[in-house]
Amino acid sequence: MRFFCFLFLFFCCIFFNSCKKEQKGSPGENEIWLEYKAFNPSQLTIAAGTTVVFTNKDNASHTATESANLFDSGIIKSGMTYSYTFTNKGTYYFYCNYHSANVAEQGAILVQ
């Protein structure tokens, strides 16, 4: 019985590790990666007129949704991107409709 429990746990570990995407590198300038319940980076400072690219680096679908409804990417599937150009100065808070249950899982863009 112990052997079967060990075998089951072993295969579960292999299965769940194979589901993760390995991230290589880091986000480019003015790029935000959407990863498991997090944004990378979670804060970004840019100049007015800059386009920010949200890239889904996860296996799950995500959104990039601004808290005052300035923009909403809709569903961003794995490997896909969404771009938005910030024309006005200010601080813009964003989250994922599927996964942002608290402030720690949200992001902010400061436009100067």
PDB file of N, CA and C in Angstrom:
ATOM      1  N   MET A   1       0.814  -1.194   0.000  1.00  0.00           N
ATOM      2  CA  MET A   1       0.000   0.000   0.000  1.00  0.00           C
ATOM      3  C   MET A   1       0.861   1.264   0.000  1.00  0.00           C
ATOM      4  N   ARG A   2       1.930   1.247   0.797  1.00  0.00           N
ATOM      5  CA  ARG A   2       2.827   2.399   0.834  1.00  0.00           C
ATOM      6  C   ARG A   2       3.436   2.656  -0.532  1.00  0.00           C
ATOM      7  N   PHE A   3       3.761   1.580  -1.218  1.00  0.00           N
ATOM      8  CA  PHE A   3       4.370   1.720  -2.538  1.00  0.00           C
ATOM      9  C   PHE A   3       3.428   2.450  -3.495  1.00  0.00           C
ATOM     10  N   PHE A   4       2.139   2.107  -3.469  1.00  0.00           N
ATOM     11  CA  PHE A   4       1.169   2.754  -4.362  1.00  0.00           C
ATOM     12  C   PHE A   4       0.971   4.222  -3.992  1.00  0.00           C
ATOM     13  N   CYS A   5       0.963   4.519  -2.703  1.00  0.00           N
ATOM     14  CA  CYS A   5       0.870   5.924  -2.275  1.00  0.00           C
ATOM     15  C   CYS A   5       2.083   6.707  -2.755  1.00  0.00           C
ATOM     16  N   PHE A   6       3.255   6.132  -2.598  1.00  0.00           N
ATOM     17  CA  PHE A   6       4.479   6.777  -3.071  1.00  0.00           C
ATOM     18  C   PHE A   6       4.424   6.979  -4.582  1.00  0.00           C
ATOM     19  N   LEU A   7       4.009   5.954  -5.295  1.00  0.00           N
ATOM     20  CA  LEU A   7       3.925   6.035  -6.748  1.00  0.00           C
ATOM     21  C   LEU A   7       2.933   7.114  -7.183  1.00  0.00           C
ATOM     22  N   PHE A   8       1.797   7.187  -6.523  1.00  0.00           N
ATOM     23  CA  PHE A   8       0.798   8.213  -6.820  1.00  0.00           C
ATOM     24  C   PHE A   8       1.363   9.617  -6.592  1.00  0.00           C
ATOM     25  N   LEU A   9       1.996   9.843  -5.458  1.00  0.00           N
ATOM     26  CA  LEU A   9       2.586  11.147  -5.157  1.00  0.00           C
ATOM     27  C   LEU A   9       3.692  11.497  -6.149  1.00  0.00           C
ATOM     28  N   PHE A  10       4.478  10.530  -6.523  1.00  0.00           N
ATOM     29  CA  PHE A  10       5.550  10.740  -7.495  1.00  0.00           C
ATOM     30  C   PHE A  10       4.989  11.222  -8.838  1.00  0.00           C
ATOM     31  N   PHE A  11       3.970  10.565  -9.340  1.00  0.00           N
ATOM     32  CA  PHE A  11       3.376  10.957 -10.612  1.00  0.00           C
ATOM     33  C   PHE A  11       2.642  12.301 -10.520  1.00  0.00           C
ATOM     34  N   CYS A  12       2.048  12.587  -9.364  1.00  0.00           N
ATOM     35  CA  CYS A  12       1.423  13.906  -9.175  1.00  0.00           C
ATOM     36  C   CYS A  12       2.468  15.014  -9.263  1.00  0.00           C
ATOM     37  N   CYS A  13       3.599  14.813  -8.632  1.00  0.00           N
ATOM     38  CA  CYS A  13       4.679  15.813  -8.682  1.00  0.00           C
ATOM     39  C   CYS A  13       5.161  16.024 -10.108  1.00  0.00           C
ATOM     40  N   ILE A  14       5.345  14.948 -10.828  1.00  0.00           N
ATOM     41  CA  ILE A  14       5.794  15.062 -12.220  1.00  0.00           C
ATOM     42  C   ILE A  14       4.748  15.784 -13.057  1.00  0.00           C
ATOM     43  N   PHE A  15       3.484  15.438 -12.883  1.00  0.00           N
ATOM     44  CA  PHE A  15       2.415  16.062 -13.664  1.00  0.00           C
ATOM     45  C   PHE A  15       2.340  17.560 -13.402  1.00  0.00           C
ATOM     46  N   PHE A  16       2.310  17.967 -12.133  1.00  0.00           N
ATOM     47  CA  PHE A  16       2.149  19.387 -11.814  1.00  0.00           C
ATOM     48  C   PHE A  16       3.385  20.201 -12.187  1.00  0.00           C
ATOM     49  N   ASN A  17       4.561  19.631 -12.102  1.00  0.00           N
ATOM     50  CA  ASN A  17       5.755  20.355 -12.539  1.00  0.00           C
ATOM     51  C   ASN A  17       5.786  20.521 -14.046  1.00  0.00           C
ATOM     52  N   SER A  18       5.233  19.576 -14.778  1.00  0.00           N
ATOM     53  CA  SER A  18       5.226  19.693 -16.234  1.00  0.00           C
ATOM     54  C   SER A  18       4.203  20.712 -16.717  1.00  0.00           C
ATOM     55  N   CYS A  19       3.246  21.097 -15.868  1.00  0.00           N
ATOM     56  CA  CYS A  19       2.235  22.088 -16.237  1.00  0.00           C
ATOM     57  C   CYS A  19       2.761  23.513 -16.160  1.00  0.00           C
ATOM     58  N   LYS A  20       3.830  23.733 -15.413  1.00  0.00           N
ATOM     59  CA  LYS A  20       4.375  25.081 -15.276  1.00  0.00           C
ATOM     60  C   LYS A  20       5.180  25.442 -16.512  1.00  0.00           C
ATOM     61  N   LYS A  21       5.055  26.697 -16.936  1.00  0.00           N
ATOM     62  CA  LYS A  21       5.911  27.201 -17.996  1.00  0.00           C
ATOM     63  C   LYS A  21       7.174  27.736 -17.359  1.00  0.00           C
ATOM     64  N   GLU A  22       8.317  27.388 -17.930  1.00  0.00           N
ATOM     65  CA  GLU A  22       9.552  27.944 -17.421  1.00  0.00           C
ATOM     66  C   GLU A  22       9.767  29.312 -18.040  1.00  0.00           C
ATOM     67  N   GLN A  23      10.004  30.293 -17.184  1.00  0.00           N
ATOM     68  CA  GLN A  23      10.229  31.647 -17.652  1.00  0.00           C
ATOM     69  C   GLN A  23      11.715  31.858 -17.880  1.00  0.00           C
ATOM     70  N   LYS A  24      12.040  32.371 -19.032  1.00  0.00           N
ATOM     71  CA  LYS A  24      13.423  32.687 -19.338  1.00  0.00           C
ATOM     72  C   LYS A  24      13.518  34.179 -19.537  1.00  0.00           C
ATOM     73  N   GLY A  25      14.466  34.780 -18.858  1.00  0.00           N
ATOM     74  CA  GLY A  25      14.651  36.206 -19.001  1.00  0.00           C
ATOM     75  C   GLY A  25      13.715  36.984 -18.101  1.00  0.00           C
ATOM     76  N   SER A  26      13.496  38.212 -18.510  1.00  0.00           N
ATOM     77  CA  SER A  26      12.627  39.096 -17.745  1.00  0.00           C
ATOM     78  C   SER A  26      11.870  39.987 -18.724  1.00  0.00           C
ATOM     79  N   PRO A  27      10.818  40.648 -18.248  1.00  0.00           N
ATOM     80  CA  PRO A  27      10.042  41.506 -19.147  1.00  0.00           C
ATOM     81  C   PRO A  27      10.909  42.600 -19.760  1.00  0.00           C
ATOM     82  N   GLY A  28      10.604  42.947 -21.001  1.00  0.00           N
ATOM     83  CA  GLY A  28      11.308  44.026 -21.674  1.00  0.00           C
ATOM     84  C   GLY A  28      10.828  45.378 -21.169  1.00  0.00           C
ATOM     85  N   GLU A  29      11.423  46.412 -21.698  1.00  0.00           N
ATOM     86  CA  GLU A  29      11.023  47.762 -21.322  1.00  0.00           C
ATOM     87  C   GLU A  29       9.562  47.974 -21.694  1.00  0.00           C
ATOM     88  N   ASN A  30       8.782  48.523 -20.779  1.00  0.00           N
ATOM     89  CA  ASN A  30       7.359  48.801 -20.985  1.00  0.00           C
ATOM     90  C   ASN A  30       6.546  47.535 -21.257  1.00  0.00           C
ATOM     91  N   GLU A  31       6.981  46.431 -20.689  1.00  0.00           N
ATOM     92  CA  GLU A  31       6.262  45.162 -20.814  1.00  0.00           C
ATOM     93  C   GLU A  31       5.955  44.635 -19.415  1.00  0.00           C
ATOM     94  N   ILE A  32       4.764  44.095 -19.259  1.00  0.00           N
ATOM     95  CA  ILE A  32       4.360  43.474 -18.001  1.00  0.00           C
ATOM     96  C   ILE A  32       3.948  42.042 -18.304  1.00  0.00           C
ATOM     97  N   TRP A  33       4.558  41.113 -17.588  1.00  0.00           N
ATOM     98  CA  TRP A  33       4.205  39.711 -17.738  1.00  0.00           C
ATOM     99  C   TRP A  33       3.090  39.363 -16.771  1.00  0.00           C
ATOM    100  N   LEU A  34       2.109  38.624 -17.266  1.00  0.00           N
ATOM    101  CA  LEU A  34       1.047  38.078 -16.437  1.00  0.00           C
ATOM    102  C   LEU A  34       1.442  36.647 -16.118  1.00  0.00           C
ATOM    103  N   GLU A  35       1.710  36.401 -14.851  1.00  0.00           N
ATOM    104  CA  GLU A  35       2.115  35.086 -14.400  1.00  0.00           C
ATOM    105  C   GLU A  35       1.204  34.679 -13.259  1.00  0.00           C
ATOM    106  N   TYR A  36       1.276  33.457 -12.825  1.00  0.00           N
ATOM    107  CA  TYR A  36       0.351  32.908 -11.848  1.00  0.00           C
ATOM    108  C   TYR A  36       0.017  33.910 -10.740  1.00  0.00           C
ATOM    109  N   LYS A  37      -1.173  34.480 -10.818  1.00  0.00           N
ATOM    110  CA  LYS A  37      -1.712  35.422  -9.834  1.00  0.00           C
ATOM    111  C   LYS A  37      -0.781  36.592  -9.531  1.00  0.00           C
ATOM    112  N   ALA A  38       0.019  37.006 -10.496  1.00  0.00           N
ATOM    113  CA  ALA A  38       0.931  38.120 -10.257  1.00  0.00           C
ATOM    114  C   ALA A  38       1.255  38.833 -11.564  1.00  0.00           C
ATOM    115  N   PHE A  39       1.663  40.089 -11.422  1.00  0.00           N
ATOM    116  CA  PHE A  39       2.151  40.871 -12.543  1.00  0.00           C
ATOM    117  C   PHE A  39       3.641  41.095 -12.330  1.00  0.00           C
ATOM    118  N   ASN A  40       4.420  41.000 -13.383  1.00  0.00           N
ATOM    119  CA  ASN A  40       5.863  41.167 -13.302  1.00  0.00           C
ATOM    120  C   ASN A  40       6.321  42.152 -14.365  1.00  0.00           C
ATOM    121  N   PRO A  41       6.689  43.384 -13.983  1.00  0.00           N
ATOM    122  CA  PRO A  41       6.689  43.954 -12.645  1.00  0.00           C
ATOM    123  C   PRO A  41       5.277  44.372 -12.242  1.00  0.00           C
ATOM    124  N   SER A  42       5.069  44.547 -10.955  1.00  0.00           N
ATOM    125  CA  SER A  42       3.743  44.951 -10.481  1.00  0.00           C
ATOM    126  C   SER A  42       3.571  46.463 -10.534  1.00  0.00           C
ATOM    127  N   GLN A  43       4.681  47.198 -10.633  1.00  0.00           N
ATOM    128  CA  GLN A  43       4.627  48.651 -10.759  1.00  0.00           C
ATOM    129  C   GLN A  43       5.558  49.091 -11.874  1.00  0.00           C
ATOM    130  N   LEU A  44       5.095  50.081 -12.628  1.00  0.00           N
ATOM    131  CA  LEU A  44       5.857  50.561 -13.773  1.00  0.00           C
ATOM    132  C   LEU A  44       5.689  52.072 -13.862  1.00  0.00           C
ATOM    133  N   THR A  45       6.773  52.792 -14.128  1.00  0.00           N
ATOM    134  CA  THR A  45       6.728  54.234 -14.332  1.00  0.00           C
ATOM    135  C   THR A  45       7.101  54.511 -15.781  1.00  0.00           C
ATOM    136  N   ILE A  46       6.230  55.257 -16.472  1.00  0.00           N
ATOM    137  CA  ILE A  46       6.436  55.532 -17.890  1.00  0.00           C
ATOM    138  C   ILE A  46       6.129  56.998 -18.186  1.00  0.00           C
ATOM    139  N   ALA A  47       6.499  57.438 -19.381  1.00  0.00           N
ATOM    140  CA  ALA A  47       6.154  58.780 -19.852  1.00  0.00           C
ATOM    141  C   ALA A  47       4.815  58.729 -20.576  1.00  0.00           C
ATOM    142  N   ALA A  48       4.082  59.840 -20.558  1.00  0.00           N
ATOM    143  CA  ALA A  48       2.822  59.919 -21.314  1.00  0.00           C
ATOM    144  C   ALA A  48       3.101  59.630 -22.779  1.00  0.00           C
ATOM    145  N   GLY A  49       2.202  58.885 -23.406  1.00  0.00           N
ATOM    146  CA  GLY A  49       2.368  58.503 -24.803  1.00  0.00           C
ATOM    147  C   GLY A  49       3.030  57.143 -24.997  1.00  0.00           C
ATOM    148  N   THR A  50       3.382  56.481 -23.897  1.00  0.00           N
ATOM    149  CA  THR A  50       4.057  55.184 -23.950  1.00  0.00           C
ATOM    150  C   THR A  50       3.035  54.052 -24.065  1.00  0.00           C
ATOM    151  N   THR A  51       3.366  53.073 -24.882  1.00  0.00           N
ATOM    152  CA  THR A  51       2.539  51.875 -25.014  1.00  0.00           C
ATOM    153  C   THR A  51       3.112  50.789 -24.112  1.00  0.00           C
ATOM    154  N   VAL A  52       2.253  50.203 -23.298  1.00  0.00           N
ATOM    155  CA  VAL A  52       2.640  49.100 -22.426  1.00  0.00           C
ATOM    156  C   VAL A  52       2.052  47.821 -23.002  1.00  0.00           C
ATOM    157  N   VAL A  53       2.868  46.779 -23.038  1.00  0.00           N
ATOM    158  CA  VAL A  53       2.444  45.479 -23.560  1.00  0.00           C
ATOM    159  C   VAL A  53       2.305  44.509 -22.386  1.00  0.00           C
ATOM    160  N   PHE A  54       1.127  43.935 -22.249  1.00  0.00           N
ATOM    161  CA  PHE A  54       0.853  42.909 -21.247  1.00  0.00           C
ATOM    162  C   PHE A  54       0.993  41.557 -21.955  1.00  0.00           C
ATOM    163  N   THR A  55       1.893  40.707 -21.464  1.00  0.00           N
ATOM    164  CA  THR A  55       2.155  39.409 -22.090  1.00  0.00           C
ATOM    165  C   THR A  55       1.819  38.292 -21.123  1.00  0.00           C
ATOM    166  N   ASN A  56       0.969  37.364 -21.550  1.00  0.00           N
ATOM    167  CA  ASN A  56       0.600  36.231 -20.709  1.00  0.00           C
ATOM    168  C   ASN A  56       1.677  35.158 -20.812  1.00  0.00           C
ATOM    169  N   LYS A  57       2.421  34.975 -19.741  1.00  0.00           N
ATOM    170  CA  LYS A  57       3.491  33.973 -19.673  1.00  0.00           C
ATOM    171  C   LYS A  57       3.061  32.760 -18.858  1.00  0.00           C
ATOM    172  N   ASP A  58       1.775  32.583 -18.700  1.00  0.00           N
ATOM    173  CA  ASP A  58       1.226  31.537 -17.861  1.00  0.00           C
ATOM    174  C   ASP A  58       0.434  30.545 -18.722  1.00  0.00           C
ATOM    175  N   ASN A  59       0.098  29.410 -18.165  1.00  0.00           N
ATOM    176  CA  ASN A  59      -0.765  28.457 -18.866  1.00  0.00           C
ATOM    177  C   ASN A  59      -2.233  28.845 -18.770  1.00  0.00           C
ATOM    178  N   ALA A  60      -2.600  29.604 -17.733  1.00  0.00           N
ATOM    179  CA  ALA A  60      -3.991  30.025 -17.525  1.00  0.00           C
ATOM    180  C   ALA A  60      -4.262  31.329 -18.264  1.00  0.00           C
ATOM    181  N   SER A  61      -5.513  31.573 -18.582  1.00  0.00           N
ATOM    182  CA  SER A  61      -5.911  32.844 -19.188  1.00  0.00           C
ATOM    183  C   SER A  61      -5.964  33.918 -18.111  1.00  0.00           C
ATOM    184  N   HIS A  62      -5.693  35.160 -18.515  1.00  0.00           N
ATOM    185  CA  HIS A  62      -5.703  36.293 -17.601  1.00  0.00           C
ATOM    186  C   HIS A  62      -6.330  37.486 -18.301  1.00  0.00           C
ATOM    187  N   THR A  63      -6.541  38.574 -17.546  1.00  0.00           N
ATOM    188  CA  THR A  63      -6.937  39.854 -18.128  1.00  0.00           C
ATOM    189  C   THR A  63      -6.049  40.932 -17.526  1.00  0.00           C
ATOM    190  N   ALA A  64      -6.007  42.062 -18.191  1.00  0.00           N
ATOM    191  CA  ALA A  64      -5.403  43.278 -17.641  1.00  0.00           C
ATOM    192  C   ALA A  64      -6.520  44.305 -17.667  1.00  0.00           C
ATOM    193  N   THR A  65      -7.072  44.585 -16.501  1.00  0.00           N
ATOM    194  CA  THR A  65      -8.253  45.434 -16.385  1.00  0.00           C
ATOM    195  C   THR A  65      -7.951  46.606 -15.475  1.00  0.00           C
ATOM    196  N   GLU A  66      -8.144  47.819 -15.971  1.00  0.00           N
ATOM    197  CA  GLU A  66      -7.885  49.019 -15.176  1.00  0.00           C
ATOM    198  C   GLU A  66      -9.045  49.228 -14.221  1.00  0.00           C
ATOM    199  N   SER A  67      -8.761  49.622 -12.977  1.00  0.00           N
ATOM    200  CA  SER A  67      -9.790  49.675 -11.932  1.00  0.00           C
ATOM    201  C   SER A  67     -10.882  50.704 -12.194  1.00  0.00           C
ATOM    202  N   ALA A  68     -10.610  51.753 -12.988  1.00  0.00           N
ATOM    203  CA  ALA A  68     -11.645  52.751 -13.312  1.00  0.00           C
ATOM    204  C   ALA A  68     -12.200  52.537 -14.722  1.00  0.00           C
ATOM    205  N   ASN A  69     -11.983  51.339 -15.258  1.00  0.00           N
ATOM    206  CA  ASN A  69     -12.486  50.938 -16.585  1.00  0.00           C
ATOM    207  C   ASN A  69     -11.902  51.743 -17.747  1.00  0.00           C
ATOM    208  N   LEU A  70     -10.683  52.247 -17.591  1.00  0.00           N
ATOM    209  CA  LEU A  70     -10.013  52.927 -18.696  1.00  0.00           C
ATOM    210  C   LEU A  70      -9.690  51.936 -19.808  1.00  0.00           C
ATOM    211  N   PHE A  71      -9.246  50.738 -19.423  1.00  0.00           N
ATOM    212  CA  PHE A  71      -8.979  49.690 -20.410  1.00  0.00           C
ATOM    213  C   PHE A  71      -9.318  48.334 -19.810  1.00  0.00           C
ATOM    214  N   ASP A  72      -9.642  47.406 -20.679  1.00  0.00           N
ATOM    215  CA  ASP A  72      -9.889  46.017 -20.292  1.00  0.00           C
ATOM    216  C   ASP A  72      -9.469  45.155 -21.468  1.00  0.00           C
ATOM    217  N   SER A  73      -8.485  44.342 -21.257  1.00  0.00           N
ATOM    218  CA  SER A  73      -7.920  43.528 -22.332  1.00  0.00           C
ATOM    219  C   SER A  73      -8.855  42.442 -22.820  1.00  0.00           C
ATOM    220  N   GLY A  74      -9.828  42.068 -22.008  1.00  0.00           N
ATOM    221  CA  GLY A  74     -10.570  40.850 -22.313  1.00  0.00           C
ATOM    222  C   GLY A  74      -9.649  39.678 -22.012  1.00  0.00           C
ATOM    223  N   ILE A  75      -9.998  38.520 -22.477  1.00  0.00           N
ATOM    224  CA  ILE A  75      -9.210  37.314 -22.190  1.00  0.00           C
ATOM    225  C   ILE A  75      -7.890  37.375 -22.948  1.00  0.00           C
ATOM    226  N   ILE A  76      -6.794  37.228 -22.209  1.00  0.00           N
ATOM    227  CA  ILE A  76      -5.463  37.090 -22.818  1.00  0.00           C
ATOM    228  C   ILE A  76      -5.038  35.645 -22.591  1.00  0.00           C
ATOM    229  N   LYS A  77      -5.059  34.861 -23.636  1.00  0.00           N
ATOM    230  CA  LYS A  77      -4.698  33.450 -23.515  1.00  0.00           C
ATOM    231  C   LYS A  77      -3.182  33.295 -23.437  1.00  0.00           C
ATOM    232  N   SER A  78      -2.747  32.131 -23.036  1.00  0.00           N
ATOM    233  CA  SER A  78      -1.325  31.824 -22.887  1.00  0.00           C
ATOM    234  C   SER A  78      -0.549  32.185 -24.156  1.00  0.00           C
ATOM    235  N   GLY A  79       0.515  32.958 -23.980  1.00  0.00           N
ATOM    236  CA  GLY A  79       1.366  33.342 -25.105  1.00  0.00           C
ATOM    237  C   GLY A  79       0.886  34.563 -25.873  1.00  0.00           C
ATOM    238  N   MET A  80      -0.292  35.075 -25.560  1.00  0.00           N
ATOM    239  CA  MET A  80      -0.848  36.225 -26.273  1.00  0.00           C
ATOM    240  C   MET A  80      -0.497  37.528 -25.547  1.00  0.00           C
ATOM    241  N   THR A  81      -0.735  38.665 -26.246  1.00  0.00           N
ATOM    242  CA  THR A  81      -0.424  39.968 -25.671  1.00  0.00           C
ATOM    243  C   THR A  81      -1.606  40.922 -25.818  1.00  0.00           C
ATOM    244  N   TYR A  82      -1.542  41.994 -25.041  1.00  0.00           N
ATOM    245  CA  TYR A  82      -2.491  43.100 -25.134  1.00  0.00           C
ATOM    246  C   TYR A  82      -1.686  44.378 -24.937  1.00  0.00           C
ATOM    247  N   SER A  83      -1.937  45.382 -25.759  1.00  0.00           N
ATOM    248  CA  SER A  83      -1.211  46.645 -25.672  1.00  0.00           C
ATOM    249  C   SER A  83      -2.171  47.792 -25.387  1.00  0.00           C
ATOM    250  N   TYR A  84      -1.680  48.752 -24.614  1.00  0.00           N
ATOM    251  CA  TYR A  84      -2.459  49.955 -24.339  1.00  0.00           C
ATOM    252  C   TYR A  84      -1.503  51.139 -24.274  1.00  0.00           C
ATOM    253  N   THR A  85      -1.887  52.250 -24.917  1.00  0.00           N
ATOM    254  CA  THR A  85      -1.088  53.471 -24.905  1.00  0.00           C
ATOM    255  C   THR A  85      -1.663  54.439 -23.886  1.00  0.00           C
ATOM    256  N   PHE A  86      -0.833  54.860 -22.941  1.00  0.00           N
ATOM    257  CA  PHE A  86      -1.223  55.777 -21.882  1.00  0.00           C
ATOM    258  C   PHE A  86      -0.924  57.204 -22.323  1.00  0.00           C
ATOM    259  N   THR A  87      -1.961  57.994 -22.570  1.00  0.00           N
ATOM    260  CA  THR A  87      -1.790  59.352 -23.085  1.00  0.00           C
ATOM    261  C   THR A  87      -1.847  60.423 -22.011  1.00  0.00           C
ATOM    262  N   ASN A  88      -2.500  60.153 -20.891  1.00  0.00           N
ATOM    263  CA  ASN A  88      -2.664  61.145 -19.825  1.00  0.00           C
ATOM    264  C   ASN A  88      -1.848  60.777 -18.593  1.00  0.00           C
ATOM    265  N   LYS A  89      -1.295  61.794 -17.947  1.00  0.00           N
ATOM    266  CA  LYS A  89      -0.546  61.577 -16.713  1.00  0.00           C
ATOM    267  C   LYS A  89      -1.493  61.114 -15.610  1.00  0.00           C
ATOM    268  N   GLY A  90      -0.954  60.333 -14.691  1.00  0.00           N
ATOM    269  CA  GLY A  90      -1.744  59.842 -13.578  1.00  0.00           C
ATOM    270  C   GLY A  90      -1.264  58.473 -13.132  1.00  0.00           C
ATOM    271  N   THR A  91      -1.934  57.927 -12.146  1.00  0.00           N
ATOM    272  CA  THR A  91      -1.635  56.584 -11.658  1.00  0.00           C
ATOM    273  C   THR A  91      -2.808  55.685 -12.003  1.00  0.00           C
ATOM    274  N   TYR A  92      -2.500  54.588 -12.650  1.00  0.00           N
ATOM    275  CA  TYR A  92      -3.527  53.663 -13.125  1.00  0.00           C
ATOM    276  C   TYR A  92      -3.309  52.303 -12.460  1.00  0.00           C
ATOM    277  N   TYR A  93      -4.341  51.837 -11.771  1.00  0.00           N
ATOM    278  CA  TYR A  93      -4.284  50.545 -11.083  1.00  0.00           C
ATOM    279  C   TYR A  93      -4.988  49.505 -11.946  1.00  0.00           C
ATOM    280  N   PHE A  94      -4.405  48.331 -12.012  1.00  0.00           N
ATOM    281  CA  PHE A  94      -4.986  47.273 -12.841  1.00  0.00           C
ATOM    282  C   PHE A  94      -4.942  45.943 -12.102  1.00  0.00           C
ATOM    283  N   TYR A  95      -5.743  45.005 -12.595  1.00  0.00           N
ATOM    284  CA  TYR A  95      -5.866  43.701 -11.962  1.00  0.00           C
ATOM    285  C   TYR A  95      -6.279  42.678 -13.012  1.00  0.00           C
ATOM    286  N   CYS A  96      -6.297  41.404 -12.614  1.00  0.00           N
ATOM    287  CA  CYS A  96      -6.802  40.320 -13.461  1.00  0.00           C
ATOM    288  C   CYS A  96      -8.200  39.973 -12.979  1.00  0.00           C
ATOM    289  N   ASN A  97      -9.170  39.984 -13.883  1.00  0.00           N
ATOM    290  CA  ASN A  97     -10.551  39.650 -13.523  1.00  0.00           C
ATOM    291  C   ASN A  97     -10.690  38.249 -12.931  1.00  0.00           C
ATOM    292  N   TYR A  98      -9.808  37.350 -13.320  1.00  0.00           N
ATOM    293  CA  TYR A  98      -9.917  35.968 -12.861  1.00  0.00           C
ATOM    294  C   TYR A  98      -9.212  35.726 -11.535  1.00  0.00           C
ATOM    295  N   HIS A  99      -8.138  36.454 -11.276  1.00  0.00           N
ATOM    296  CA  HIS A  99      -7.262  36.056 -10.180  1.00  0.00           C
ATOM    297  C   HIS A  99      -6.943  37.120  -9.146  1.00  0.00           C
ATOM    298  N   SER A 100      -7.313  38.344  -9.322  1.00  0.00           N
ATOM    299  CA  SER A 100      -6.924  39.398  -8.374  1.00  0.00           C
ATOM    300  C   SER A 100      -7.937  39.534  -7.250  1.00  0.00           C
ATOM    301  N   ALA A 101      -7.751  38.721  -6.238  1.00  0.00           N
ATOM    302  CA  ALA A 101      -8.676  38.732  -5.113  1.00  0.00           C
ATOM    303  C   ALA A 101      -8.301  39.761  -4.053  1.00  0.00           C
ATOM    304  N   ASN A 102      -7.050  40.228  -4.078  1.00  0.00           N
ATOM    305  CA  ASN A 102      -6.641  41.219  -3.083  1.00  0.00           C
ATOM    306  C   ASN A 102      -5.631  42.189  -3.680  1.00  0.00           C
ATOM    307  N   VAL A 103      -5.312  43.222  -2.925  1.00  0.00           N
ATOM    308  CA  VAL A 103      -4.439  44.298  -3.411  1.00  0.00           C
ATOM    309  C   VAL A 103      -3.051  43.779  -3.787  1.00  0.00           C
ATOM    310  N   ALA A 104      -2.559  42.761  -3.102  1.00  0.00           N
ATOM    311  CA  ALA A 104      -1.225  42.231  -3.383  1.00  0.00           C
ATOM    312  C   ALA A 104      -1.123  41.654  -4.788  1.00  0.00           C
ATOM    313  N   GLU A 105      -2.248  41.312  -5.383  1.00  0.00           N
ATOM    314  CA  GLU A 105      -2.248  40.722  -6.713  1.00  0.00           C
ATOM    315  C   GLU A 105      -2.571  41.755  -7.794  1.00  0.00           C
ATOM    316  N   GLN A 106      -2.535  43.026  -7.447  1.00  0.00           N
ATOM    317  CA  GLN A 106      -2.826  44.083  -8.404  1.00  0.00           C
ATOM    318  C   GLN A 106      -1.542  44.786  -8.803  1.00  0.00           C
ATOM    319  N   GLY A 107      -1.643  45.626  -9.838  1.00  0.00           N
ATOM    320  CA  GLY A 107      -0.486  46.375 -10.294  1.00  0.00           C
ATOM    321  C   GLY A 107      -0.829  47.835 -10.459  1.00  0.00           C
ATOM    322  N   ALA A 108       0.214  48.640 -10.711  1.00  0.00           N
ATOM    323  CA  ALA A 108       0.025  50.081 -10.894  1.00  0.00           C
ATOM    324  C   ALA A 108       0.989  50.597 -11.948  1.00  0.00           C
ATOM    325  N   ILE A 109       0.503  51.542 -12.751  1.00  0.00           N
ATOM    326  CA  ILE A 109       1.333  52.217 -13.732  1.00  0.00           C
ATOM    327  C   ILE A 109       1.264  53.709 -13.438  1.00  0.00           C
ATOM    328  N   LEU A 110       2.430  54.306 -13.225  1.00  0.00           N
ATOM    329  CA  LEU A 110       2.534  55.735 -12.996  1.00  0.00           C
ATOM    330  C   LEU A 110       2.959  56.394 -14.293  1.00  0.00           C
ATOM    331  N   VAL A 111       2.101  57.252 -14.828  1.00  0.00           N
ATOM    332  CA  VAL A 111       2.382  57.956 -16.085  1.00  0.00           C
ATOM    333  C   VAL A 111       2.782  59.371 -15.744  1.00  0.00           C
ATOM    334  N   GLN A 112       3.993  59.754 -16.131  1.00  0.00           N
ATOM    335  CA  GLN A 112       4.518  61.082 -15.817  1.00  0.00           C
ATOM    336  C   GLN A 112       4.499  61.980 -17.031  1.00  0.00           C
TER     337      GLN A 112
END
